[in-house]
PDB file of N, CA and C in Angstrom:
ATOM      1  N   MET A   1    -101.964-169.717-107.442  1.00  0.00           N
ATOM      2  CA  MET A   1    -102.152-171.150-107.501  1.00  0.00           C
ATOM      3  C   MET A   1    -102.745-171.592-106.170  1.00  0.00           C
ATOM      4  N   ASN A   2    -103.758-172.458-106.226  1.00  0.00           N
ATOM      5  CA  ASN A   2    -104.366-172.923-104.983  1.00  0.00           C
ATOM      6  C   ASN A   2    -103.777-174.270-104.578  1.00  0.00           C
ATOM      7  N   GLY A   3    -104.199-174.799-103.443  1.00  0.00           N
ATOM      8  CA  GLY A   3    -103.685-176.057-102.923  1.00  0.00           C
ATOM      9  C   GLY A   3    -103.874-177.230-103.865  1.00  0.00           C
ATOM     10  N   ASP A   4    -105.011-177.264-104.577  1.00  0.00           N
ATOM     11  CA  ASP A   4    -105.253-178.352-105.530  1.00  0.00           C
ATOM     12  C   ASP A   4    -104.234-178.312-106.671  1.00  0.00           C
ATOM     13  N   ASP A   5    -103.938-177.111-107.171  1.00  0.00           N
ATOM     14  CA  ASP A   5    -102.948-176.960-108.238  1.00  0.00           C
ATOM     15  C   ASP A   5    -101.573-177.417-107.764  1.00  0.00           C
ATOM     16  N   GLU A   6    -101.226-177.046-106.541  1.00  0.00           N
ATOM     17  CA  GLU A   6     -99.918-177.424-105.994  1.00  0.00           C
ATOM     18  C   GLU A   6     -99.789-178.934-105.878  1.00  0.00           C
ATOM     19  N   GLN A   7    -100.840-179.621-105.479  1.00  0.00           N
ATOM     20  CA  GLN A   7    -100.801-181.080-105.369  1.00  0.00           C
ATOM     21  C   GLN A   7    -100.613-181.729-106.732  1.00  0.00           C
ATOM     22  N   LEU A   8    -101.215-181.156-107.776  1.00  0.00           N
ATOM     23  CA  LEU A   8    -101.057-181.693-109.120  1.00  0.00           C
ATOM     24  C   LEU A   8     -99.611-181.625-109.590  1.00  0.00           C
ATOM     25  N   LEU A   9     -98.865-180.604-109.163  1.00  0.00           N
ATOM     26  CA  LEU A   9     -97.489-180.439-109.599  1.00  0.00           C
ATOM     27  C   LEU A   9     -96.528-181.368-108.857  1.00  0.00           C
ATOM     28  N   ARG A  10     -96.813-181.731-107.629  1.00  0.00           N
ATOM     29  CA  ARG A  10     -95.886-182.545-106.837  1.00  0.00           C
ATOM     30  C   ARG A  10     -95.573-183.869-107.526  1.00  0.00           C
ATOM     31  N   GLY A  11     -94.292-184.193-107.595  1.00  0.00           N
ATOM     32  CA  GLY A  11     -93.861-185.444-108.193  1.00  0.00           C
ATOM     33  C   GLY A  11     -93.796-185.428-109.707  1.00  0.00           C
ATOM     34  N   ARG A  12     -94.139-184.316-110.312  1.00  0.00           N
ATOM     35  CA  ARG A  12     -94.064-184.193-111.774  1.00  0.00           C
ATOM     36  C   ARG A  12     -92.675-183.692-112.143  1.00  0.00           C
ATOM     37  N   VAL A  13     -92.263-183.979-113.337  1.00  0.00           N
ATOM     38  CA  VAL A  13     -90.962-183.540-113.816  1.00  0.00           C
ATOM     39  C   VAL A  13     -91.150-182.285-114.665  1.00  0.00           C
ATOM     40  N   TYR A  14     -90.393-181.245-114.349  1.00  0.00           N
ATOM     41  CA  TYR A  14     -90.449-179.990-115.096  1.00  0.00           C
ATOM     42  C   TYR A  14     -90.167-180.264-116.569  1.00  0.00           C
ATOM     43  N   GLY A  15     -90.998-179.719-117.445  1.00  0.00           N
ATOM     44  CA  GLY A  15     -90.779-179.799-118.873  1.00  0.00           C
ATOM     45  C   GLY A  15     -91.295-181.053-119.559  1.00  0.00           C
ATOM     46  N   THR A  16     -91.914-181.964-118.804  1.00  0.00           N
ATOM     47  CA  THR A  16     -92.442-183.170-119.439  1.00  0.00           C
ATOM     48  C   THR A  16     -93.890-182.949-119.846  1.00  0.00           C
ATOM     49  N   ASP A  17     -94.368-183.799-120.746  1.00  0.00           N
ATOM     50  CA  ASP A  17     -95.755-183.660-121.175  1.00  0.00           C
ATOM     51  C   ASP A  17     -96.694-184.284-120.146  1.00  0.00           C
ATOM     52  N   HIS A  18     -97.957-183.936-120.248  1.00  0.00           N
ATOM     53  CA  HIS A  18     -98.950-184.369-119.258  1.00  0.00           C
ATOM     54  C   HIS A  18     -99.230-185.866-119.311  1.00  0.00           C
ATOM     55  N   ASP A  19     -98.924-186.515-120.423  1.00  0.00           N
ATOM     56  CA  ASP A  19     -99.153-187.953-120.530  1.00  0.00           C
ATOM     57  C   ASP A  19     -98.096-188.769-119.801  1.00  0.00           C
ATOM     58  N   HIS A  20     -96.906-188.201-119.608  1.00  0.00           N
ATOM     59  CA  HIS A  20     -95.807-188.899-118.939  1.00  0.00           C
ATOM     60  C   HIS A  20     -95.142-187.953-117.934  1.00  0.00           C
ATOM     61  N   PRO A  21     -95.867-187.572-116.884  1.00  0.00           N
ATOM     62  CA  PRO A  21     -95.383-186.514-115.997  1.00  0.00           C
ATOM     63  C   PRO A  21     -94.371-186.936-114.938  1.00  0.00           C
ATOM     64  N   GLY A  22     -94.276-188.226-114.649  1.00  0.00           N
ATOM     65  CA  GLY A  22     -93.472-188.659-113.519  1.00  0.00           C
ATOM     66  C   GLY A  22     -92.027-188.958-113.864  1.00  0.00           C
ATOM     67  N   PRO A  23     -91.232-189.191-112.831  1.00  0.00           N
ATOM     68  CA  PRO A  23     -89.821-189.511-113.035  1.00  0.00           C
ATOM     69  C   PRO A  23     -89.645-190.867-113.721  1.00  0.00           C
ATOM     70  N   ARG A  24     -88.540-191.007-114.446  1.00  0.00           N
ATOM     71  CA  ARG A  24     -88.235-192.244-115.150  1.00  0.00           C
ATOM     72  C   ARG A  24     -87.053-192.935-114.480  1.00  0.00           C
ATOM     73  N   PRO A  25     -87.049-194.244-114.481  1.00  0.00           N
ATOM     74  CA  PRO A  25     -85.923-194.979-113.897  1.00  0.00           C
ATOM     75  C   PRO A  25     -84.613-194.627-114.605  1.00  0.00           C
ATOM     76  N   GLY A  26     -83.542-194.600-113.848  1.00  0.00           N
ATOM     77  CA  GLY A  26     -82.225-194.345-114.415  1.00  0.00           C
ATOM     78  C   GLY A  26     -81.881-192.888-114.597  1.00  0.00           C
ATOM     79  N   GLN A  27     -82.808-191.992-114.279  1.00  0.00           N
ATOM     80  CA  GLN A  27     -82.556-190.558-114.393  1.00  0.00           C
ATOM     81  C   GLN A  27     -82.237-189.998-113.009  1.00  0.00           C
ATOM     82  N   THR A  28     -81.560-188.845-112.975  1.00  0.00           N
ATOM     83  CA  THR A  28     -81.229-188.161-111.734  1.00  0.00           C
ATOM     84  C   THR A  28     -82.034-186.871-111.675  1.00  0.00           C
ATOM     85  N   TYR A  29     -82.684-186.644-110.540  1.00  0.00           N
ATOM     86  CA  TYR A  29     -83.560-185.477-110.398  1.00  0.00           C
ATOM     87  C   TYR A  29     -83.185-184.653-109.174  1.00  0.00           C
ATOM     88  N   ALA A  30     -83.454-183.365-109.257  1.00  0.00           N
ATOM     89  CA  ALA A  30     -83.374-182.461-108.117  1.00  0.00           C
ATOM     90  C   ALA A  30     -84.774-181.901-107.904  1.00  0.00           C
ATOM     91  N   GLU A  31     -85.171-181.790-106.648  1.00  0.00           N
ATOM     92  CA  GLU A  31     -86.480-181.220-106.329  1.00  0.00           C
ATOM     93  C   GLU A  31     -86.382-179.706-106.301  1.00  0.00           C
ATOM     94  N   LEU A  32     -87.329-179.029-106.944  1.00  0.00           N
ATOM     95  CA  LEU A  32     -87.420-177.575-106.898  1.00  0.00           C
ATOM     96  C   LEU A  32     -88.197-177.206-105.636  1.00  0.00           C
ATOM     97  N   VAL A  33     -87.584-176.354-104.796  1.00  0.00           N
ATOM     98  CA  VAL A  33     -88.153-176.030-103.484  1.00  0.00           C
ATOM     99  C   VAL A  33     -88.494-174.549-103.423  1.00  0.00           C
ATOM    100  N   GLY A  34     -89.757-174.258-103.140  1.00  0.00           N
ATOM    101  CA  GLY A  34     -90.215-172.880-103.033  1.00  0.00           C
ATOM    102  C   GLY A  34     -90.559-172.300-104.396  1.00  0.00           C
ATOM    103  N   GLY A  35     -91.129-171.115-104.383  1.00  0.00           N
ATOM    104  CA  GLY A  35     -91.448-170.422-105.624  1.00  0.00           C
ATOM    105  C   GLY A  35     -92.538-171.085-106.442  1.00  0.00           C
ATOM    106  N   PRO A  36     -92.708-170.640-107.671  1.00  0.00           N
ATOM    107  CA  PRO A  36     -93.830-171.099-108.484  1.00  0.00           C
ATOM    108  C   PRO A  36     -93.736-172.552-108.938  1.00  0.00           C
ATOM    109  N   LEU A  37     -92.562-173.140-108.923  1.00  0.00           N
ATOM    110  CA  LEU A  37     -92.388-174.519-109.390  1.00  0.00           C
ATOM    111  C   LEU A  37     -92.150-175.489-108.232  1.00  0.00           C
ATOM    112  N   ASP A  38     -92.491-175.065-107.034  1.00  0.00           N
ATOM    113  CA  ASP A  38     -92.289-175.868-105.826  1.00  0.00           C
ATOM    114  C   ASP A  38     -92.849-177.280-105.993  1.00  0.00           C
ATOM    115  N   GLY A  39     -92.026-178.269-105.694  1.00  0.00           N
ATOM    116  CA  GLY A  39     -92.465-179.656-105.743  1.00  0.00           C
ATOM    117  C   GLY A  39     -92.179-180.359-107.056  1.00  0.00           C
ATOM    118  N   LEU A  40     -91.885-179.595-108.108  1.00  0.00           N
ATOM    119  CA  LEU A  40     -91.537-180.236-109.377  1.00  0.00           C
ATOM    120  C   LEU A  40     -90.135-180.822-109.278  1.00  0.00           C
ATOM    121  N   LEU A  41     -89.875-181.816-110.101  1.00  0.00           N
ATOM    122  CA  LEU A  41     -88.549-182.409-110.196  1.00  0.00           C
ATOM    123  C   LEU A  41     -87.877-181.884-111.458  1.00  0.00           C
ATOM    124  N   LEU A  42     -86.582-181.631-111.374  1.00  0.00           N
ATOM    125  CA  LEU A  42     -85.798-181.171-112.505  1.00  0.00           C
ATOM    126  C   LEU A  42     -84.822-182.277-112.884  1.00  0.00           C
ATOM    127  N   ASP A  43     -84.874-182.711-114.132  1.00  0.00           N
ATOM    128  CA  ASP A  43     -83.984-183.769-114.602  1.00  0.00           C
ATOM    129  C   ASP A  43     -82.582-183.190-114.767  1.00  0.00           C
ATOM    130  N   ILE A  44     -81.638-183.651-113.933  1.00  0.00           N
ATOM    131  CA  ILE A  44     -80.257-183.179-114.001  1.00  0.00           C
ATOM    132  C   ILE A  44     -79.318-184.305-114.450  1.00  0.00           C
ATOM    133  N   THR A  45     -79.874-185.301-115.088  1.00  0.00           N
ATOM    134  CA  THR A  45     -79.080-186.421-115.586  1.00  0.00           C
ATOM    135  C   THR A  45     -77.981-185.909-116.516  1.00  0.00           C
ATOM    136  N   GLY A  46     -76.761-186.295-116.242  1.00  0.00           N
ATOM    137  CA  GLY A  46     -75.642-185.912-117.096  1.00  0.00           C
ATOM    138  C   GLY A  46     -75.076-184.530-116.853  1.00  0.00           C
ATOM    139  N   TRP A  47     -75.646-183.770-115.925  1.00  0.00           N
ATOM    140  CA  TRP A  47     -75.129-182.437-115.632  1.00  0.00           C
ATOM    141  C   TRP A  47     -73.795-182.554-114.909  1.00  0.00           C
ATOM    142  N   THR A  48     -72.877-181.664-115.214  1.00  0.00           N
ATOM    143  CA  THR A  48     -71.606-181.614-114.502  1.00  0.00           C
ATOM    144  C   THR A  48     -71.801-180.872-113.181  1.00  0.00           C
ATOM    145  N   ALA A  49     -70.810-180.980-112.298  1.00  0.00           N
ATOM    146  CA  ALA A  49     -70.854-180.245-111.030  1.00  0.00           C
ATOM    147  C   ALA A  49     -70.930-178.742-111.286  1.00  0.00           C
ATOM    148  N   GLU A  50     -70.248-178.268-112.314  1.00  0.00           N
ATOM    149  CA  GLU A  50     -70.289-176.839-112.651  1.00  0.00           C
ATOM    150  C   GLU A  50     -71.680-176.413-113.104  1.00  0.00           C
ATOM    151  N   GLU A  51     -72.327-177.238-113.925  1.00  0.00           N
ATOM    152  CA  GLU A  51     -73.678-176.909-114.389  1.00  0.00           C
ATOM    153  C   GLU A  51     -74.658-176.884-113.228  1.00  0.00           C
ATOM    154  N   ILE A  52     -74.542-177.846-112.337  1.00  0.00           N
ATOM    155  CA  ILE A  52     -75.416-177.871-111.160  1.00  0.00           C
ATOM    156  C   ILE A  52     -75.155-176.647-110.294  1.00  0.00           C
ATOM    157  N   GLY A  53     -73.891-176.321-110.094  1.00  0.00           N
ATOM    158  CA  GLY A  53     -73.521-175.186-109.245  1.00  0.00           C
ATOM    159  C   GLY A  53     -73.985-173.841-109.777  1.00  0.00           C
ATOM    160  N   ALA A  54     -74.200-173.753-111.085  1.00  0.00           N
ATOM    161  CA  ALA A  54     -74.620-172.489-111.693  1.00  0.00           C
ATOM    162  C   ALA A  54     -76.093-172.180-111.450  1.00  0.00           C
ATOM    163  N   GLY A  55     -76.876-173.189-111.069  1.00  0.00           N
ATOM    164  CA  GLY A  55     -78.310-172.971-110.894  1.00  0.00           C
ATOM    165  C   GLY A  55     -79.012-172.896-112.232  1.00  0.00           C
ATOM    166  N   VAL A  56     -80.315-172.619-112.186  1.00  0.00           N
ATOM    167  CA  VAL A  56     -81.111-172.607-113.409  1.00  0.00           C
ATOM    168  C   VAL A  56     -82.082-171.434-113.435  1.00  0.00           C
ATOM    169  N   SER A  57     -82.437-171.049-114.649  1.00  0.00           N
ATOM    170  CA  SER A  57     -83.457-170.047-114.915  1.00  0.00           C
ATOM    171  C   SER A  57     -84.490-170.747-115.794  1.00  0.00           C
ATOM    172  N   LEU A  58     -85.644-171.060-115.223  1.00  0.00           N
ATOM    173  CA  LEU A  58     -86.627-171.897-115.896  1.00  0.00           C
ATOM    174  C   LEU A  58     -87.843-171.089-116.362  1.00  0.00           C
ATOM    175  N   PRO A  59     -88.170-171.164-117.639  1.00  0.00           N
ATOM    176  CA  PRO A  59     -89.365-170.480-118.131  1.00  0.00           C
ATOM    177  C   PRO A  59     -90.622-171.009-117.427  1.00  0.00           C
ATOM    178  N   THR A  60     -91.477-170.092-117.006  1.00  0.00           N
ATOM    179  CA  THR A  60     -92.742-170.480-116.384  1.00  0.00           C
ATOM    180  C   THR A  60     -93.749-169.341-116.502  1.00  0.00           C
ATOM    181  N   GLU A  61     -95.001-169.722-116.644  1.00  0.00           N
ATOM    182  CA  GLU A  61     -96.082-168.737-116.635  1.00  0.00           C
ATOM    183  C   GLU A  61     -96.634-168.547-115.227  1.00  0.00           C
ATOM    184  N   LEU A  62     -96.134-169.324-114.276  1.00  0.00           N
ATOM    185  CA  LEU A  62     -96.663-169.311-112.916  1.00  0.00           C
ATOM    186  C   LEU A  62     -96.003-168.280-112.007  1.00  0.00           C
ATOM    187  N   GLY A  63     -94.908-167.660-112.442  1.00  0.00           N
ATOM    188  CA  GLY A  63     -94.169-166.726-111.611  1.00  0.00           C
ATOM    189  C   GLY A  63     -94.761-165.333-111.602  1.00  0.00           C
ATOM    190  N   ALA A  64     -94.045-164.431-110.979  1.00  0.00           N
ATOM    191  CA  ALA A  64     -94.497-163.051-110.802  1.00  0.00           C
ATOM    192  C   ALA A  64     -94.645-162.293-112.121  1.00  0.00           C
ATOM    193  N   PHE A  65     -93.956-162.739-113.177  1.00  0.00           N
ATOM    194  CA  PHE A  65     -93.977-162.010-114.439  1.00  0.00           C
ATOM    195  C   PHE A  65     -94.866-162.651-115.493  1.00  0.00           C
ATOM    196  N   GLY A  66     -95.584-163.720-115.131  1.00  0.00           N
ATOM    197  CA  GLY A  66     -96.517-164.358-116.057  1.00  0.00           C
ATOM    198  C   GLY A  66     -95.817-164.942-117.266  1.00  0.00           C
ATOM    199  N   ALA A  67     -96.544-164.983-118.376  1.00  0.00           N
ATOM    200  CA  ALA A  67     -96.001-165.548-119.611  1.00  0.00           C
ATOM    201  C   ALA A  67     -94.691-164.860-119.980  1.00  0.00           C
ATOM    202  N   GLY A  68     -93.699-165.635-120.296  1.00  0.00           N
ATOM    203  CA  GLY A  68     -92.392-165.084-120.646  1.00  0.00           C
ATOM    204  C   GLY A  68     -91.467-164.900-119.460  1.00  0.00           C
ATOM    205  N   GLY A  69     -91.989-165.093-118.252  1.00  0.00           N
ATOM    206  CA  GLY A  69     -91.163-164.947-117.065  1.00  0.00           C
ATOM    207  C   GLY A  69     -90.353-166.202-116.773  1.00  0.00           C
ATOM    208  N   ARG A  70     -89.426-166.067-115.846  1.00  0.00           N
ATOM    209  CA  ARG A  70     -88.569-167.183-115.447  1.00  0.00           C
ATOM    210  C   ARG A  70     -88.484-167.264-113.931  1.00  0.00           C
ATOM    211  N   ALA A  71     -88.356-168.493-113.451  1.00  0.00           N
ATOM    212  CA  ALA A  71     -88.137-168.733-112.024  1.00  0.00           C
ATOM    213  C   ALA A  71     -86.672-169.138-111.860  1.00  0.00           C
ATOM    214  N   LEU A  72     -85.999-168.545-110.890  1.00  0.00           N
ATOM    215  CA  LEU A  72     -84.580-168.796-110.653  1.00  0.00           C
ATOM    216  C   LEU A  72     -84.415-169.754-109.479  1.00  0.00           C
ATOM    217  N   TYR A  73     -83.621-170.797-109.683  1.00  0.00           N
ATOM    218  CA  TYR A  73     -83.365-171.794-108.646  1.00  0.00           C
ATOM    219  C   TYR A  73     -81.873-172.056-108.534  1.00  0.00           C
ATOM    220  N   ASP A  74     -81.380-172.106-107.306  1.00  0.00           N
ATOM    221  CA  ASP A  74     -79.970-172.366-107.032  1.00  0.00           C
ATOM    222  C   ASP A  74     -79.838-173.651-106.231  1.00  0.00           C
ATOM    223  N   PRO A  75     -78.750-174.410-106.462  1.00  0.00           N
ATOM    224  CA  PRO A  75     -78.576-175.650-105.709  1.00  0.00           C
ATOM    225  C   PRO A  75     -78.415-175.354-104.224  1.00  0.00           C
ATOM    226  N   ARG A  76     -79.015-176.191-103.416  1.00  0.00           N
ATOM    227  CA  ARG A  76     -78.896-176.037-101.967  1.00  0.00           C
ATOM    228  C   ARG A  76     -77.500-176.506-101.550  1.00  0.00           C
ATOM    229  N   PRO A  77     -76.766-175.674-100.820  1.00  0.00           N
ATOM    230  CA  PRO A  77     -75.431-176.086-100.385  1.00  0.00           C
ATOM    231  C   PRO A  77     -75.482-177.412 -99.613  1.00  0.00           C
ATOM    232  N   GLY A  78     -74.652-178.341-100.035  1.00  0.00           N
ATOM    233  CA  GLY A  78     -74.569-179.629 -99.354  1.00  0.00           C
ATOM    234  C   GLY A  78     -75.675-180.608 -99.705  1.00  0.00           C
ATOM    235  N   ASP A  79     -76.601-180.226-100.591  1.00  0.00           N
ATOM    236  CA  ASP A  79     -77.704-181.118-100.953  1.00  0.00           C
ATOM    237  C   ASP A  79     -77.982-180.991-102.444  1.00  0.00           C
ATOM    238  N   ARG A  80     -77.282-181.765-103.239  1.00  0.00           N
ATOM    239  CA  ARG A  80     -77.397-181.720-104.692  1.00  0.00           C
ATOM    240  C   ARG A  80     -78.808-182.095-105.165  1.00  0.00           C
ATOM    241  N   GLY A  81     -79.601-182.701-104.307  1.00  0.00           N
ATOM    242  CA  GLY A  81     -80.939-183.145-104.674  1.00  0.00           C
ATOM    243  C   GLY A  81     -82.021-182.087-104.521  1.00  0.00           C
ATOM    244  N   ARG A  82     -81.652-180.857-104.148  1.00  0.00           N
ATOM    245  CA  ARG A  82     -82.643-179.793-103.987  1.00  0.00           C
ATOM    246  C   ARG A  82     -82.101-178.491-104.558  1.00  0.00           C
ATOM    247  N   PHE A  83     -82.962-177.799-105.290  1.00  0.00           N
ATOM    248  CA  PHE A  83     -82.653-176.461-105.790  1.00  0.00           C
ATOM    249  C   PHE A  83     -83.659-175.517-105.143  1.00  0.00           C
ATOM    250  N   ASP A  84     -83.165-174.480-104.474  1.00  0.00           N
ATOM    251  CA  ASP A  84     -84.024-173.523-103.787  1.00  0.00           C
ATOM    252  C   ASP A  84     -84.334-172.321-104.672  1.00  0.00           C
ATOM    253  N   TRP A  85     -85.587-171.873-104.610  1.00  0.00           N
ATOM    254  CA  TRP A  85     -86.030-170.709-105.364  1.00  0.00           C
ATOM    255  C   TRP A  85     -85.346-169.462-104.850  1.00  0.00           C
ATOM    256  N   SER A  86     -84.849-168.625-105.781  1.00  0.00           N
ATOM    257  CA  SER A  86     -84.193-167.389-105.371  1.00  0.00           C
ATOM    258  C   SER A  86     -84.884-166.159-105.947  1.00  0.00           C
ATOM    259  N   GLY A  87     -85.973-166.355-106.694  1.00  0.00           N
ATOM    260  CA  GLY A  87     -86.735-165.222-107.213  1.00  0.00           C
ATOM    261  C   GLY A  87     -87.234-165.466-108.625  1.00  0.00           C
ATOM    262  N   ASP A  88     -87.936-164.466-109.137  1.00  0.00           N
ATOM    263  CA  ASP A  88     -88.453-164.516-110.503  1.00  0.00           C
ATOM    264  C   ASP A  88     -87.831-163.367-111.284  1.00  0.00           C
ATOM    265  N   CYS A  89     -87.769-163.522-112.595  1.00  0.00           N
ATOM    266  CA  CYS A  89     -87.286-162.427-113.438  1.00  0.00           C
ATOM    267  C   CYS A  89     -88.095-162.423-114.739  1.00  0.00           C
ATOM    268  N   PRO A  90     -88.142-161.272-115.401  1.00  0.00           N
ATOM    269  CA  PRO A  90     -88.898-161.184-116.649  1.00  0.00           C
ATOM    270  C   PRO A  90     -88.252-161.992-117.774  1.00  0.00           C
TER     271      PRO A  90
END
């Protein structure tokens, strides 16, 4: 991914369609930091503390394993608003 692609992803919400890519009022988001989804927002509205603490495995074609691969993100200790990339998996 080049710099132009990365700028297109910033401020977009993971999993939303291209017609409505930005955050919506009243929702709670965590920023994905590092890795293939860097800069995207993840909607965590309604998630429990346990769900947030478990981290996420997000399908993406942008990671090391291409189509069918997943990017792994864990909550940043002390900062519920950021999930840090911890690697990719098939």
